[in-house]
Protein backbone atom coordinates (compact mmCIF):
# COMPACT_ATOMS: atom_id res chain seq x y z
CA MET A 1 -2.74 13.36 1.72
CA TYR A 2 -2.53 9.91 0.04
CA ASN A 3 -5.24 10.50 -2.17
CA ALA A 4 -4.34 13.63 -3.42
CA PHE A 5 -1.45 12.03 -5.06
CA ALA A 6 -1.80 11.67 -9.20
CA PRO A 7 0.80 8.94 -10.06
CA SER A 8 2.47 9.07 -13.18
CA PHE A 9 5.37 7.46 -14.76
CA ILE A 10 8.43 9.44 -15.25
CA LYS A 11 10.99 7.58 -16.58
CA SER A 12 12.99 4.43 -16.78
CA ALA A 13 16.88 4.26 -16.27
CA ASP A 14 19.62 1.82 -17.15
CA LYS A 15 22.50 4.06 -16.38
CA PRO A 16 23.04 6.55 -13.48
CA ASP A 17 23.01 9.72 -16.08
CA GLN A 18 19.50 8.80 -16.70
CA PHE A 19 18.20 9.31 -13.38
CA PRO A 20 15.84 12.17 -12.76
CA ALA A 21 16.66 15.50 -11.04
CA ASP A 22 18.32 14.54 -7.35
CA ASP A 23 15.98 16.65 -5.40
CA GLY A 24 12.76 16.38 -3.51
CA TYR A 25 12.06 12.93 -2.04
CA GLU A 26 11.79 9.14 -3.15
CA VAL A 27 10.74 5.80 -1.52
CA ALA A 28 12.31 3.16 -3.27
CA ILE A 29 11.17 -0.57 -3.58
CA ALA A 30 13.65 -3.52 -3.64
CA GLY A 31 13.20 -7.05 -3.55
CA ARG A 32 14.28 -10.28 -5.28
CA SER A 33 12.77 -11.43 -8.94
CA ASN A 34 8.84 -11.96 -8.84
CA SER A 35 8.57 -10.94 -5.20
CA GLY A 36 5.65 -8.57 -6.01
CA LYS A 37 7.30 -4.82 -6.32
CA SER A 38 5.77 -3.86 -9.36
CA THR A 39 2.12 -4.98 -7.72
CA ALA A 40 2.83 -3.19 -4.59
CA ILE A 41 3.48 -0.42 -5.96
CA ASN A 42 0.12 -0.66 -7.99
CA ALA A 43 -1.63 -1.41 -4.84
CA MET A 44 -0.06 1.34 -2.87
CA THR A 45 -0.99 4.29 -5.55
CA LYS A 46 -4.37 2.70 -6.62
CA ARG A 47 -3.23 2.35 -10.00
CA ARG A 48 -3.70 -1.04 -11.59
CA SER A 49 -1.23 -0.75 -14.43
CA LEU A 50 1.10 1.95 -13.02
CA ALA A 51 3.88 -0.33 -13.45
CA ARG A 52 4.45 -2.89 -15.13
CA THR A 53 3.48 -6.82 -13.67
CA SER A 54 4.83 -10.01 -14.94
CA LYS A 55 4.85 -13.62 -13.80
CA THR A 56 7.96 -13.83 -15.68
CA PRO A 57 10.72 -13.27 -13.09
CA GLY A 58 13.29 -11.19 -13.79
CA ARG A 59 10.68 -8.51 -16.26
CA THR A 60 11.81 -5.28 -14.43
CA GLN A 61 15.51 -5.01 -15.79
CA LEU A 62 15.47 -0.79 -15.76
CA ILE A 63 14.86 1.52 -12.16
CA ASN A 64 11.30 2.80 -13.11
CA PHE A 65 10.70 6.20 -11.65
CA PHE A 66 6.77 7.32 -10.89
CA HIS A 67 5.69 10.73 -10.01
CA LEU A 68 3.26 10.63 -6.79
CA ASP A 69 3.37 14.79 -7.09
CA GLU A 70 5.66 17.41 -8.05
CA GLU A 71 8.12 16.32 -4.89
CA ARG A 72 7.98 13.15 -4.23
CA ARG A 73 8.20 9.78 -6.10
CA LEU A 74 8.06 5.74 -5.79
CA VAL A 75 10.84 4.05 -7.30
CA ASP A 76 10.47 0.36 -8.76
CA LEU A 77 14.32 -1.32 -8.58
CA PRO A 78 15.22 -3.94 -10.77
CA GLY A 79 14.71 -7.30 -9.08
CA TYR A 80 17.87 -9.43 -7.66
CA GLY A 81 18.77 -13.05 -7.41
CA TYR A 82 17.22 -14.47 -11.07
CA ALA A 83 19.95 -17.20 -12.01
CA LYS A 84 18.28 -17.18 -15.46
CA VAL A 85 19.94 -13.84 -16.08
CA ALA A 86 22.84 -13.47 -18.42
CA ILE A 87 25.90 -13.24 -15.68
CA SER A 88 26.63 -9.86 -17.59
CA MET A 89 23.23 -8.30 -16.69
CA GLN A 90 23.59 -9.57 -13.31
CA LYS A 91 26.86 -7.28 -12.72
CA HIS A 92 25.06 -4.32 -14.65
CA TRP A 93 22.27 -4.31 -12.02
CA ARG A 94 24.57 -4.82 -9.02
CA GLN A 95 26.38 -1.63 -10.25
CA LEU A 96 23.53 0.27 -11.14
CA LEU A 97 21.50 -0.18 -7.73
CA GLU A 98 24.89 0.25 -5.97
CA CYS A 99 25.24 3.69 -7.61
CA TYR A 100 21.56 4.39 -7.09
CA PHE A 101 21.83 3.95 -3.05
CA SER A 102 25.18 5.29 -2.63
CA GLU A 103 24.82 8.49 -4.30
CA ARG A 104 20.87 8.97 -4.40
CA GLN A 105 20.32 11.75 -1.61
CA SER A 106 16.71 12.04 -1.87
CA LEU A 107 16.07 8.63 -1.02
CA VAL A 108 13.91 8.68 2.24
CA GLY A 109 12.87 4.87 3.05
CA LEU A 110 12.74 1.69 1.34
CA PHE A 111 10.84 -1.15 1.21
CA ILE A 112 11.93 -4.78 0.49
CA THR A 113 9.12 -7.11 -0.82
CA ILE A 114 9.61 -10.47 0.48
CA ASP A 115 7.48 -13.28 -0.76
CA ILE A 116 5.87 -14.49 2.58
CA ARG A 117 6.15 -17.90 1.68
CA ARG A 118 10.05 -18.17 1.35
CA GLY A 119 11.17 -15.56 3.79
CA PRO A 120 14.26 -13.24 3.55
CA ASN A 121 16.92 -14.60 1.73
CA GLU A 122 20.91 -13.57 1.56
CA LEU A 123 20.39 -10.54 -1.03
CA ASP A 124 17.08 -9.25 1.03
CA HIS A 125 19.32 -9.51 4.17
CA VAL A 126 22.45 -7.33 2.29
CA MET A 127 19.63 -4.88 1.94
CA LEU A 128 18.21 -4.59 5.28
CA ASP A 129 22.48 -4.05 6.39
CA TRP A 130 23.19 -1.59 3.83
CA ALA A 131 19.80 0.37 5.13
CA GLU A 132 20.72 0.25 8.70
CA ASN A 133 24.20 1.34 7.92
CA SER A 134 23.22 4.45 5.54
CA ASP A 135 20.27 5.55 8.15
CA ILE A 136 17.54 4.80 5.75
CA PRO A 137 14.02 3.77 7.33
CA VAL A 138 13.26 0.47 5.72
CA ALA A 139 10.42 -2.09 6.07
CA THR A 140 9.52 -5.49 4.57
CA LEU A 141 6.32 -6.18 2.58
CA LEU A 142 5.59 -10.01 3.31
CA THR A 143 3.66 -10.25 -0.02
CA LYS A 144 1.85 -12.77 -1.63
CA ALA A 145 -0.19 -13.47 1.72
CA ASP A 146 -3.43 -14.55 0.18
CA LYS A 147 -1.44 -17.45 -0.75
CA LEU A 148 -1.66 -18.81 2.88
CA SER A 149 -3.90 -18.76 5.76
CA LYS A 150 -4.39 -16.29 8.43
CA SER A 151 -2.57 -17.96 10.98
CA ALA A 152 -0.02 -19.04 8.62
CA CYS A 153 0.99 -15.26 7.82
CA ILE A 154 1.00 -14.57 11.23
CA ALA A 155 3.47 -17.20 11.81
CA ARG A 156 5.57 -16.21 9.05
CA GLN A 157 5.33 -12.47 10.00
CA ARG A 158 7.21 -13.56 13.65
CA GLU A 159 9.47 -15.86 11.94
CA THR A 160 10.69 -12.98 9.58
CA LYS A 161 11.22 -10.60 12.44
CA GLN A 162 13.03 -13.32 14.55
CA CYS A 163 15.89 -12.85 11.77
CA ILE A 164 15.88 -9.77 11.00
CA LEU A 165 16.24 -6.28 12.91
CA THR A 166 13.37 -6.18 15.59
CA SER A 167 13.07 -2.22 14.67
CA VAL A 168 11.98 -2.80 10.93
CA PRO A 169 8.60 -2.86 10.49
CA SER A 170 7.28 -5.47 8.55
CA VAL A 171 3.85 -5.89 7.15
CA ILE A 172 1.61 -8.59 6.11
CA PHE A 173 0.93 -7.87 2.58
CA SER A 174 -1.54 -8.91 -0.18
CA ALA A 175 -2.60 -6.55 -3.39
CA THR A 176 -5.48 -9.20 -3.91
CA LYS A 177 -7.24 -8.74 -0.98
CA GLY A 178 -5.74 -5.44 0.16
CA THR A 179 -4.09 -6.92 3.56
CA GLY A 180 -1.37 -4.48 4.56
CA VAL A 181 -1.86 -1.60 1.59
CA GLU A 182 -2.89 0.87 3.83
CA GLU A 183 -0.45 0.17 6.80
CA ALA A 184 2.69 0.26 3.69
CA VAL A 185 1.05 3.81 2.42
CA ALA A 186 1.06 5.07 6.15
CA LEU A 187 5.29 4.43 5.77
CA MET A 188 5.92 5.75 2.79
CA LEU A 189 3.80 8.88 3.62
CA GLY A 190 5.60 9.13 7.37
CA TRP A 191 8.93 8.63 5.19
CA LEU A 192 8.03 11.16 2.72
CA ASN A 193 6.48 13.71 5.13
CA THR A 194 9.27 13.65 7.53
CA ASN A 195 11.34 15.07 4.99
CA ASN A 196 9.34 17.42 4.03
């Protein structure tokens, strides 16, 4: 069960040979810079500072691996689409992510964080397409929902569902208010336990 997890940081990886052993099962969280990936991890694990958060876009520059238990992990991926990062760093991130997604056999699910006020962009669609083509279960977390009214959130969720695959779960999510956290955890556990 979720409450039985003892989340802990494993390591950060700047290149593929630094990844932990490719065994067990892991769920990754991807999204554009400053879309709330690290905050979502902290909310879902009930650990306020497990993943480092920052208001400055582009702070997650490595792939960060976290234990949930001996066989299961959460993975915080570098944010994409942050224009102020040097071109060479953007290229490095892209290659690192491509390697992770193409080679990681233990990956059993993917969350894509999307700021509910902005909606999905081109890179979010690239990630969704990759997941579909790779048969990896995927869901979107519409983050920062506390910034909008409930009716505006529902409207944004409807708009998001219209421009992505209807089969992709779309969770209205706010770490601040706890909205959608249990739903996201249930999805994560479903992916991890189905393959257990």
